[in-house]
All heavy atoms as atom14 arrays in JSON, in Angstrom:
{
  "sequence": "YLRGHVARLSEDSKTRLEKNPLRILDSKDEGDQEVIKGAP",
  "atom14_mask": [
    [1, 1, 1, 1, 1, 1, 1, 1, 1, 1, 1, 1, 0, 0],
    [1, 1, 1, 1, 1, 1, 1, 1, 0, 0, 0, 0, 0, 0],
    [1, 1, 1, 1, 1, 1, 1, 1, 1, 1, 1, 0, 0, 0],
    [1, 1, 1, 1, 0, 0, 0, 0, 0, 0, 0, 0, 0, 0],
    [1, 1, 1, 1, 1, 1, 1, 1, 1, 1, 0, 0, 0, 0],
    [1, 1, 1, 1, 1, 1, 1, 0, 0, 0, 0, 0, 0, 0],
    [1, 1, 1, 1, 1, 0, 0, 0, 0, 0, 0, 0, 0, 0],
    [1, 1, 1, 1, 1, 1, 1, 1, 1, 1, 1, 0, 0, 0],
    [1, 1, 1, 1, 1, 1, 1, 1, 0, 0, 0, 0, 0, 0],
    [1, 1, 1, 1, 1, 1, 0, 0, 0, 0, 0, 0, 0, 0],
    [1, 1, 1, 1, 1, 1, 1, 1, 1, 0, 0, 0, 0, 0],
    [1, 1, 1, 1, 1, 1, 1, 1, 0, 0, 0, 0, 0, 0],
    [1, 1, 1, 1, 1, 1, 0, 0, 0, 0, 0, 0, 0, 0],
    [1, 1, 1, 1, 1, 1, 1, 1, 1, 0, 0, 0, 0, 0],
    [1, 1, 1, 1, 1, 1, 1, 0, 0, 0, 0, 0, 0, 0],
    [1, 1, 1, 1, 1, 1, 1, 1, 1, 1, 1, 0, 0, 0],
    [1, 1, 1, 1, 1, 1, 1, 1, 0, 0, 0, 0, 0, 0],
    [1, 1, 1, 1, 1, 1, 1, 1, 1, 0, 0, 0, 0, 0],
    [1, 1, 1, 1, 1, 1, 1, 1, 1, 0, 0, 0, 0, 0],
    [1, 1, 1, 1, 1, 1, 1, 1, 0, 0, 0, 0, 0, 0],
    [1, 1, 1, 1, 1, 1, 1, 0, 0, 0, 0, 0, 0, 0],
    [1, 1, 1, 1, 1, 1, 1, 1, 0, 0, 0, 0, 0, 0],
    [1, 1, 1, 1, 1, 1, 1, 1, 1, 1, 1, 0, 0, 0],
    [1, 1, 1, 1, 1, 1, 1, 1, 0, 0, 0, 0, 0, 0],
    [1, 1, 1, 1, 1, 1, 1, 1, 0, 0, 0, 0, 0, 0],
    [1, 1, 1, 1, 1, 1, 1, 1, 0, 0, 0, 0, 0, 0],
    [1, 1, 1, 1, 1, 1, 0, 0, 0, 0, 0, 0, 0, 0],
    [1, 1, 1, 1, 1, 1, 1, 1, 1, 0, 0, 0, 0, 0],
    [1, 1, 1, 1, 1, 1, 1, 1, 0, 0, 0, 0, 0, 0],
    [1, 1, 1, 1, 1, 1, 1, 1, 1, 0, 0, 0, 0, 0],
    [1, 1, 1, 1, 0, 0, 0, 0, 0, 0, 0, 0, 0, 0],
    [1, 1, 1, 1, 1, 1, 1, 1, 0, 0, 0, 0, 0, 0],
    [1, 1, 1, 1, 1, 1, 1, 1, 1, 0, 0, 0, 0, 0],
    [1, 1, 1, 1, 1, 1, 1, 1, 1, 0, 0, 0, 0, 0],
    [1, 1, 1, 1, 1, 1, 1, 0, 0, 0, 0, 0, 0, 0],
    [1, 1, 1, 1, 1, 1, 1, 1, 0, 0, 0, 0, 0, 0],
    [1, 1, 1, 1, 1, 1, 1, 1, 1, 0, 0, 0, 0, 0],
    [1, 1, 1, 1, 0, 0, 0, 0, 0, 0, 0, 0, 0, 0],
    [1, 1, 1, 1, 1, 0, 0, 0, 0, 0, 0, 0, 0, 0],
    [1, 1, 1, 1, 1, 1, 1, 0, 0, 0, 0, 0, 0, 0]
  ],
  "atom14_positions": [
    [[-3.66, -7.19, -5.92], [-2.29, -6.77, -6.23], [-1.5, -6.49, -4.95], [-0.36, -6.96, -4.79], [-2.31, -5.52, -7.11], [-0.97, -4.85, -7.23], [0.01, -5.35, -8.09], [-0.66, -3.72, -6.47], [1.26, -4.75, -8.19], [0.58, -3.11, -6.55], [1.54, -3.63, -7.41], [2.77, -3.05, -7.5], [0.0, 0.0, 0.0], [0.0, 0.0, 0.0]],
    [[-2.08, -5.73, -4.03], [-1.36, -5.32, -2.83], [-1.05, -6.5, -1.91], [-0.01, -6.5, -1.23], [-2.17, -4.26, -2.07], [-2.31, -2.9, -2.77], [-3.25, -2.0, -1.98], [-0.95, -2.23, -2.93], [0.0, 0.0, 0.0], [0.0, 0.0, 0.0], [0.0, 0.0, 0.0], [0.0, 0.0, 0.0], [0.0, 0.0, 0.0], [0.0, 0.0, 0.0]],
    [[-1.91, -7.49, -1.88], [-1.64, -8.67, -1.04], [-0.36, -9.38, -1.49], [0.33, -10.01, -0.69], [-2.82, -9.62, -1.06], [-4.03, -9.11, -0.29], [-5.02, -10.21, 0.02], [-6.26, -9.69, 0.57], [-6.4, -9.26, 1.83], [-5.37, -9.32, 2.65], [-7.56, -8.8, 2.25], [0.0, 0.0, 0.0], [0.0, 0.0, 0.0], [0.0, 0.0, 0.0]],
    [[-0.04, -9.24, -2.76], [1.19, -9.85, -3.25], [2.44, -9.06, -2.88], [3.56, -9.52, -3.12], [0.0, 0.0, 0.0], [0.0, 0.0, 0.0], [0.0, 0.0, 0.0], [0.0, 0.0, 0.0], [0.0, 0.0, 0.0], [0.0, 0.0, 0.0], [0.0, 0.0, 0.0], [0.0, 0.0, 0.0], [0.0, 0.0, 0.0], [0.0, 0.0, 0.0]],
    [[2.24, -7.84, -2.31], [3.38, -6.99, -1.95], [3.26, -6.51, -0.51], [3.88, -5.5, -0.14], [3.45, -5.78, -2.88], [3.59, -6.14, -4.33], [4.8, -6.36, -4.95], [2.64, -6.36, -5.29], [4.62, -6.66, -6.21], [3.32, -6.67, -6.46], [0.0, 0.0, 0.0], [0.0, 0.0, 0.0], [0.0, 0.0, 0.0], [0.0, 0.0, 0.0]],
    [[2.48, -7.21, 0.3], [2.16, -6.73, 1.64], [3.4, -6.54, 2.5], [3.45, -5.62, 3.35], [1.15, -7.68, 2.32], [1.79, -9.04, 2.6], [0.59, -7.06, 3.58], [0.0, 0.0, 0.0], [0.0, 0.0, 0.0], [0.0, 0.0, 0.0], [0.0, 0.0, 0.0], [0.0, 0.0, 0.0], [0.0, 0.0, 0.0], [0.0, 0.0, 0.0]],
    [[4.42, -7.34, 2.3], [5.63, -7.23, 3.12], [6.34, -5.9, 2.9], [7.09, -5.44, 3.77], [6.57, -8.39, 2.82], [0.0, 0.0, 0.0], [0.0, 0.0, 0.0], [0.0, 0.0, 0.0], [0.0, 0.0, 0.0], [0.0, 0.0, 0.0], [0.0, 0.0, 0.0], [0.0, 0.0, 0.0], [0.0, 0.0, 0.0], [0.0, 0.0, 0.0]],
    [[6.12, -5.27, 1.76], [6.81, -4.01, 1.43], [6.01, -2.78, 1.85], [6.49, -1.65, 1.73], [7.09, -3.95, -0.07], [8.01, -5.06, -0.57], [7.99, -5.13, -2.09], [8.35, -3.86, -2.71], [8.13, -3.58, -4.0], [7.54, -4.5, -4.78], [8.47, -2.41, -4.49], [0.0, 0.0, 0.0], [0.0, 0.0, 0.0], [0.0, 0.0, 0.0]],
    [[4.79, -3.0, 2.33], [3.93, -1.89, 2.71], [4.27, -1.38, 4.1], [4.74, -2.13, 4.96], [2.46, -2.31, 2.68], [1.86, -2.65, 1.31], [0.42, -3.15, 1.48], [1.91, -1.45, 0.37], [0.0, 0.0, 0.0], [0.0, 0.0, 0.0], [0.0, 0.0, 0.0], [0.0, 0.0, 0.0], [0.0, 0.0, 0.0], [0.0, 0.0, 0.0]],
    [[4.02, -0.09, 4.33], [4.19, 0.48, 5.66], [3.13, -0.09, 6.6], [2.14, -0.68, 6.17], [4.05, 2.0, 5.59], [2.72, 2.35, 5.23], [0.0, 0.0, 0.0], [0.0, 0.0, 0.0], [0.0, 0.0, 0.0], [0.0, 0.0, 0.0], [0.0, 0.0, 0.0], [0.0, 0.0, 0.0], [0.0, 0.0, 0.0], [0.0, 0.0, 0.0]],
    [[3.36, 0.08, 7.89], [2.4, -0.43, 8.87], [1.03, 0.23, 8.69], [0.0, -0.42, 8.82], [2.92, -0.21, 10.29], [4.13, -1.06, 10.65], [3.85, -2.56, 10.48], [2.79, -3.03, 10.93], [4.69, -3.25, 9.88], [0.0, 0.0, 0.0], [0.0, 0.0, 0.0], [0.0, 0.0, 0.0], [0.0, 0.0, 0.0], [0.0, 0.0, 0.0]],
    [[1.04, 1.54, 8.4], [-0.24, 2.23, 8.17], [-0.98, 1.62, 6.99], [-2.2, 1.41, 7.04], [0.0, 3.72, 7.91], [0.31, 4.49, 9.19], [0.04, 3.96, 10.27], [0.82, 5.62, 9.08], [0.0, 0.0, 0.0], [0.0, 0.0, 0.0], [0.0, 0.0, 0.0], [0.0, 0.0, 0.0], [0.0, 0.0, 0.0], [0.0, 0.0, 0.0]],
    [[-0.26, 1.32, 5.92], [-0.9, 0.78, 4.72], [-1.36, -0.66, 4.93], [-2.36, -1.08, 4.35], [0.05, 0.87, 3.52], [0.17, 2.22, 3.11], [0.0, 0.0, 0.0], [0.0, 0.0, 0.0], [0.0, 0.0, 0.0], [0.0, 0.0, 0.0], [0.0, 0.0, 0.0], [0.0, 0.0, 0.0], [0.0, 0.0, 0.0], [0.0, 0.0, 0.0]],
    [[-0.66, -1.4, 5.78], [-1.13, -2.76, 6.1], [-2.48, -2.69, 6.8], [-3.37, -3.52, 6.55], [-0.1, -3.48, 6.97], [1.17, -3.87, 6.22], [2.2, -4.49, 7.18], [3.48, -4.83, 6.43], [4.53, -5.36, 7.33], [0.0, 0.0, 0.0], [0.0, 0.0, 0.0], [0.0, 0.0, 0.0], [0.0, 0.0, 0.0], [0.0, 0.0, 0.0]],
    [[-2.64, -1.7, 7.67], [-3.93, -1.51, 8.34], [-5.0, -1.09, 7.34], [-6.13, -1.59, 7.36], [-3.81, -0.44, 9.44], [-2.83, -0.87, 10.4], [-5.14, -0.22, 10.14], [0.0, 0.0, 0.0], [0.0, 0.0, 0.0], [0.0, 0.0, 0.0], [0.0, 0.0, 0.0], [0.0, 0.0, 0.0], [0.0, 0.0, 0.0], [0.0, 0.0, 0.0]],
    [[-4.64, -0.19, 6.44], [-5.6, 0.29, 5.45], [-5.99, -0.8, 4.47], [-7.11, -0.78, 3.92], [-5.0, 1.48, 4.69], [-4.86, 2.73, 5.54], [-4.02, 3.78, 4.86], [-3.87, 4.97, 5.7], [-2.96, 5.91, 5.53], [-2.06, 5.78, 4.56], [-2.9, 6.95, 6.32], [0.0, 0.0, 0.0], [0.0, 0.0, 0.0], [0.0, 0.0, 0.0]],
    [[-5.11, -1.74, 4.23], [-5.42, -2.83, 3.3], [-6.65, -3.59, 3.75], [-7.44, -4.06, 2.92], [-4.22, -3.77, 3.19], [-4.33, -4.94, 2.21], [-4.61, -4.43, 0.79], [-3.07, -5.79, 2.24], [0.0, 0.0, 0.0], [0.0, 0.0, 0.0], [0.0, 0.0, 0.0], [0.0, 0.0, 0.0], [0.0, 0.0, 0.0], [0.0, 0.0, 0.0]],
    [[-6.85, -3.69, 5.05], [-8.01, -4.41, 5.57], [-9.24, -3.52, 5.67], [-10.36, -3.97, 5.49], [-7.68, -4.98, 6.96], [-6.48, -5.9, 6.98], [-6.65, -7.11, 6.06], [-7.78, -7.61, 5.93], [-5.65, -7.54, 5.46], [0.0, 0.0, 0.0], [0.0, 0.0, 0.0], [0.0, 0.0, 0.0], [0.0, 0.0, 0.0], [0.0, 0.0, 0.0]],
    [[-9.02, -2.22, 5.94], [-10.16, -1.34, 6.21], [-10.54, -0.46, 5.02], [-11.73, -0.23, 4.78], [-9.84, -0.44, 7.42], [-9.71, -1.21, 8.73], [-9.52, -0.25, 9.89], [-9.49, -0.97, 11.22], [-9.36, -0.03, 12.37], [0.0, 0.0, 0.0], [0.0, 0.0, 0.0], [0.0, 0.0, 0.0], [0.0, 0.0, 0.0], [0.0, 0.0, 0.0]],
    [[-9.54, 0.08, 4.35], [-9.83, 1.03, 3.27], [-8.66, 1.05, 2.29], [-7.84, 1.97, 2.32], [-10.07, 2.43, 3.84], [-10.76, 3.35, 2.86], [-10.73, 3.11, 1.66], [-11.37, 4.4, 3.36], [0.0, 0.0, 0.0], [0.0, 0.0, 0.0], [0.0, 0.0, 0.0], [0.0, 0.0, 0.0], [0.0, 0.0, 0.0], [0.0, 0.0, 0.0]],
    [[-8.56, 0.05, 1.42], [-7.37, -0.1, 0.57], [-7.12, 1.07, -0.37], [-5.97, 1.34, -0.72], [-7.65, -1.39, -0.21], [-9.13, -1.58, -0.13], [-9.53, -1.03, 1.2], [0.0, 0.0, 0.0], [0.0, 0.0, 0.0], [0.0, 0.0, 0.0], [0.0, 0.0, 0.0], [0.0, 0.0, 0.0], [0.0, 0.0, 0.0], [0.0, 0.0, 0.0]],
    [[-8.16, 1.79, -0.79], [-7.94, 2.91, -1.7], [-7.09, 4.01, -1.07], [-6.41, 4.76, -1.78], [-9.28, 3.5, -2.16], [-10.15, 2.63, -3.06], [-11.39, 3.38, -3.5], [-9.37, 2.15, -4.27], [0.0, 0.0, 0.0], [0.0, 0.0, 0.0], [0.0, 0.0, 0.0], [0.0, 0.0, 0.0], [0.0, 0.0, 0.0], [0.0, 0.0, 0.0]],
    [[-7.1, 4.1, 0.25], [-6.31, 5.12, 0.92], [-4.81, 4.88, 0.74], [-4.0, 5.8, 0.88], [-6.64, 5.18, 2.41], [-8.03, 5.71, 2.71], [-8.04, 6.44, 4.03], [-7.32, 7.7, 3.92], [-7.88, 8.87, 3.68], [-9.17, 8.93, 3.47], [-7.17, 9.97, 3.62], [0.0, 0.0, 0.0], [0.0, 0.0, 0.0], [0.0, 0.0, 0.0]],
    [[-4.43, 3.66, 0.46], [-3.01, 3.37, 0.26], [-2.47, 4.16, -0.93], [-1.31, 4.55, -0.96], [-2.8, 1.85, 0.06], [-3.23, 1.1, 1.33], [-1.35, 1.52, -0.28], [-3.18, -0.42, 1.21], [0.0, 0.0, 0.0], [0.0, 0.0, 0.0], [0.0, 0.0, 0.0], [0.0, 0.0, 0.0], [0.0, 0.0, 0.0], [0.0, 0.0, 0.0]],
    [[-3.34, 4.42, -1.9], [-2.91, 5.19, -3.07], [-2.55, 6.62, -2.71], [-1.86, 7.31, -3.46], [-4.01, 5.17, -4.14], [-4.42, 3.78, -4.65], [-5.58, 3.9, -5.63], [-3.24, 3.07, -5.3], [0.0, 0.0, 0.0], [0.0, 0.0, 0.0], [0.0, 0.0, 0.0], [0.0, 0.0, 0.0], [0.0, 0.0, 0.0], [0.0, 0.0, 0.0]],
    [[-3.03, 7.1, -1.55], [-2.7, 8.46, -1.08], [-1.42, 8.49, -0.25], [-0.97, 9.56, 0.14], [-3.85, 9.0, -0.21], [-5.1, 9.3, -1.01], [-4.95, 9.67, -2.19], [-6.2, 9.17, -0.46], [0.0, 0.0, 0.0], [0.0, 0.0, 0.0], [0.0, 0.0, 0.0], [0.0, 0.0, 0.0], [0.0, 0.0, 0.0], [0.0, 0.0, 0.0]],
    [[-0.85, 7.34, 0.04], [0.28, 7.27, 0.97], [1.48, 8.07, 0.46], [1.81, 8.04, -0.73], [0.7, 5.81, 1.19], [1.87, 5.74, 1.98], [0.0, 0.0, 0.0], [0.0, 0.0, 0.0], [0.0, 0.0, 0.0], [0.0, 0.0, 0.0], [0.0, 0.0, 0.0], [0.0, 0.0, 0.0], [0.0, 0.0, 0.0], [0.0, 0.0, 0.0]],
    [[2.15, 8.75, 1.39], [3.37, 9.49, 1.06], [4.63, 8.7, 1.43], [5.74, 9.16, 1.19], [3.37, 10.84, 1.8], [2.16, 11.73, 1.45], [2.13, 12.07, -0.02], [1.02, 13.05, -0.34], [-0.32, 12.43, -0.25], [0.0, 0.0, 0.0], [0.0, 0.0, 0.0], [0.0, 0.0, 0.0], [0.0, 0.0, 0.0], [0.0, 0.0, 0.0]],
    [[4.44, 7.52, 2.02], [5.58, 6.68, 2.37], [6.32, 6.24, 1.11], [5.69, 5.78, 0.14], [5.09, 5.45, 3.16], [6.22, 4.53, 3.57], [6.79, 4.74, 4.64], [6.52, 3.59, 2.79], [0.0, 0.0, 0.0], [0.0, 0.0, 0.0], [0.0, 0.0, 0.0], [0.0, 0.0, 0.0], [0.0, 0.0, 0.0], [0.0, 0.0, 0.0]],
    [[7.64, 6.38, 1.1], [8.41, 6.08, -0.1], [8.29, 4.62, -0.51], [8.2, 4.3, -1.7], [9.88, 6.45, 0.12], [10.12, 7.96, 0.22], [11.58, 8.3, 0.36], [12.41, 7.36, 0.33], [11.9, 9.5, 0.49], [0.0, 0.0, 0.0], [0.0, 0.0, 0.0], [0.0, 0.0, 0.0], [0.0, 0.0, 0.0], [0.0, 0.0, 0.0]],
    [[8.29, 3.71, 0.48], [8.13, 2.29, 0.17], [6.77, 2.0, -0.45], [6.67, 1.24, -1.43], [0.0, 0.0, 0.0], [0.0, 0.0, 0.0], [0.0, 0.0, 0.0], [0.0, 0.0, 0.0], [0.0, 0.0, 0.0], [0.0, 0.0, 0.0], [0.0, 0.0, 0.0], [0.0, 0.0, 0.0], [0.0, 0.0, 0.0], [0.0, 0.0, 0.0]],
    [[5.74, 2.62, 0.11], [4.39, 2.45, -0.45], [4.32, 2.98, -1.87], [3.7, 2.37, -2.75], [3.36, 3.2, 0.41], [3.15, 2.54, 1.78], [3.53, 1.37, 1.94], [2.6, 3.21, 2.66], [0.0, 0.0, 0.0], [0.0, 0.0, 0.0], [0.0, 0.0, 0.0], [0.0, 0.0, 0.0], [0.0, 0.0, 0.0], [0.0, 0.0, 0.0]],
    [[4.97, 4.12, -2.11], [4.92, 4.71, -3.44], [5.56, 3.81, -4.48], [5.1, 3.74, -5.62], [5.6, 6.08, -3.41], [4.82, 7.14, -2.64], [5.52, 8.48, -2.6], [6.61, 8.64, -3.15], [4.91, 9.46, -1.96], [0.0, 0.0, 0.0], [0.0, 0.0, 0.0], [0.0, 0.0, 0.0], [0.0, 0.0, 0.0], [0.0, 0.0, 0.0]],
    [[6.61, 3.1, -4.09], [7.23, 2.16, -5.03], [6.28, 1.03, -5.37], [6.2, 0.6, -6.53], [8.53, 1.61, -4.42], [9.68, 2.59, -4.43], [10.06, 3.02, -5.84], [10.16, 2.14, -6.73], [10.24, 4.24, -6.07], [0.0, 0.0, 0.0], [0.0, 0.0, 0.0], [0.0, 0.0, 0.0], [0.0, 0.0, 0.0], [0.0, 0.0, 0.0]],
    [[5.57, 0.53, -4.36], [4.59, -0.54, -4.6], [3.46, -0.04, -5.49], [3.03, -0.7, -6.43], [4.03, -1.07, -3.26], [2.88, -2.07, -3.51], [5.12, -1.73, -2.43], [0.0, 0.0, 0.0], [0.0, 0.0, 0.0], [0.0, 0.0, 0.0], [0.0, 0.0, 0.0], [0.0, 0.0, 0.0], [0.0, 0.0, 0.0], [0.0, 0.0, 0.0]],
    [[2.99, 1.18, -5.2], [1.84, 1.75, -5.92], [2.14, 1.92, -7.41], [1.24, 1.82, -8.25], [1.44, 3.11, -5.28], [0.89, 2.88, -3.88], [0.42, 3.84, -6.14], [0.77, 4.16, -3.07], [0.0, 0.0, 0.0], [0.0, 0.0, 0.0], [0.0, 0.0, 0.0], [0.0, 0.0, 0.0], [0.0, 0.0, 0.0], [0.0, 0.0, 0.0]],
    [[3.41, 2.14, -7.76], [3.77, 2.35, -9.16], [3.31, 1.18, -10.04], [3.01, 1.37, -11.22], [5.27, 2.54, -9.3], [5.77, 3.89, -8.81], [7.29, 4.0, -8.97], [7.81, 5.34, -8.47], [9.3, 5.43, -8.59], [0.0, 0.0, 0.0], [0.0, 0.0, 0.0], [0.0, 0.0, 0.0], [0.0, 0.0, 0.0], [0.0, 0.0, 0.0]],
    [[3.28, -0.01, -9.48], [2.87, -1.16, -10.27], [1.42, -1.55, -10.12], [0.98, -2.57, -10.68], [0.0, 0.0, 0.0], [0.0, 0.0, 0.0], [0.0, 0.0, 0.0], [0.0, 0.0, 0.0], [0.0, 0.0, 0.0], [0.0, 0.0, 0.0], [0.0, 0.0, 0.0], [0.0, 0.0, 0.0], [0.0, 0.0, 0.0], [0.0, 0.0, 0.0]],
    [[0.66, -0.74, -9.36], [-0.75, -1.07, -9.11], [-1.58, -0.91, -10.37], [-1.25, -0.12, -11.26], [-1.3, -0.17, -8.01], [0.0, 0.0, 0.0], [0.0, 0.0, 0.0], [0.0, 0.0, 0.0], [0.0, 0.0, 0.0], [0.0, 0.0, 0.0], [0.0, 0.0, 0.0], [0.0, 0.0, 0.0], [0.0, 0.0, 0.0], [0.0, 0.0, 0.0]],
    [[-2.68, -1.67, -10.5], [-3.56, -1.5, -11.65], [-4.13, -0.09, -11.68], [-4.31, 0.55, -10.64], [-4.66, -2.55, -11.42], [-4.6, -2.86, -9.96], [-3.17, -2.7, -9.56], [0.0, 0.0, 0.0], [0.0, 0.0, 0.0], [0.0, 0.0, 0.0], [0.0, 0.0, 0.0], [0.0, 0.0, 0.0], [0.0, 0.0, 0.0], [0.0, 0.0, 0.0]]
  ]
}
């Protein structure tokens, strides 16, 4: 799911996508939070 929205992710979350994608769900970045709303 996140790979389909990678352009909207923060730089921190782009790094986490490769190393620890579950941490993106903890992100406080407003852009990340919008993406997370549609996550499975």
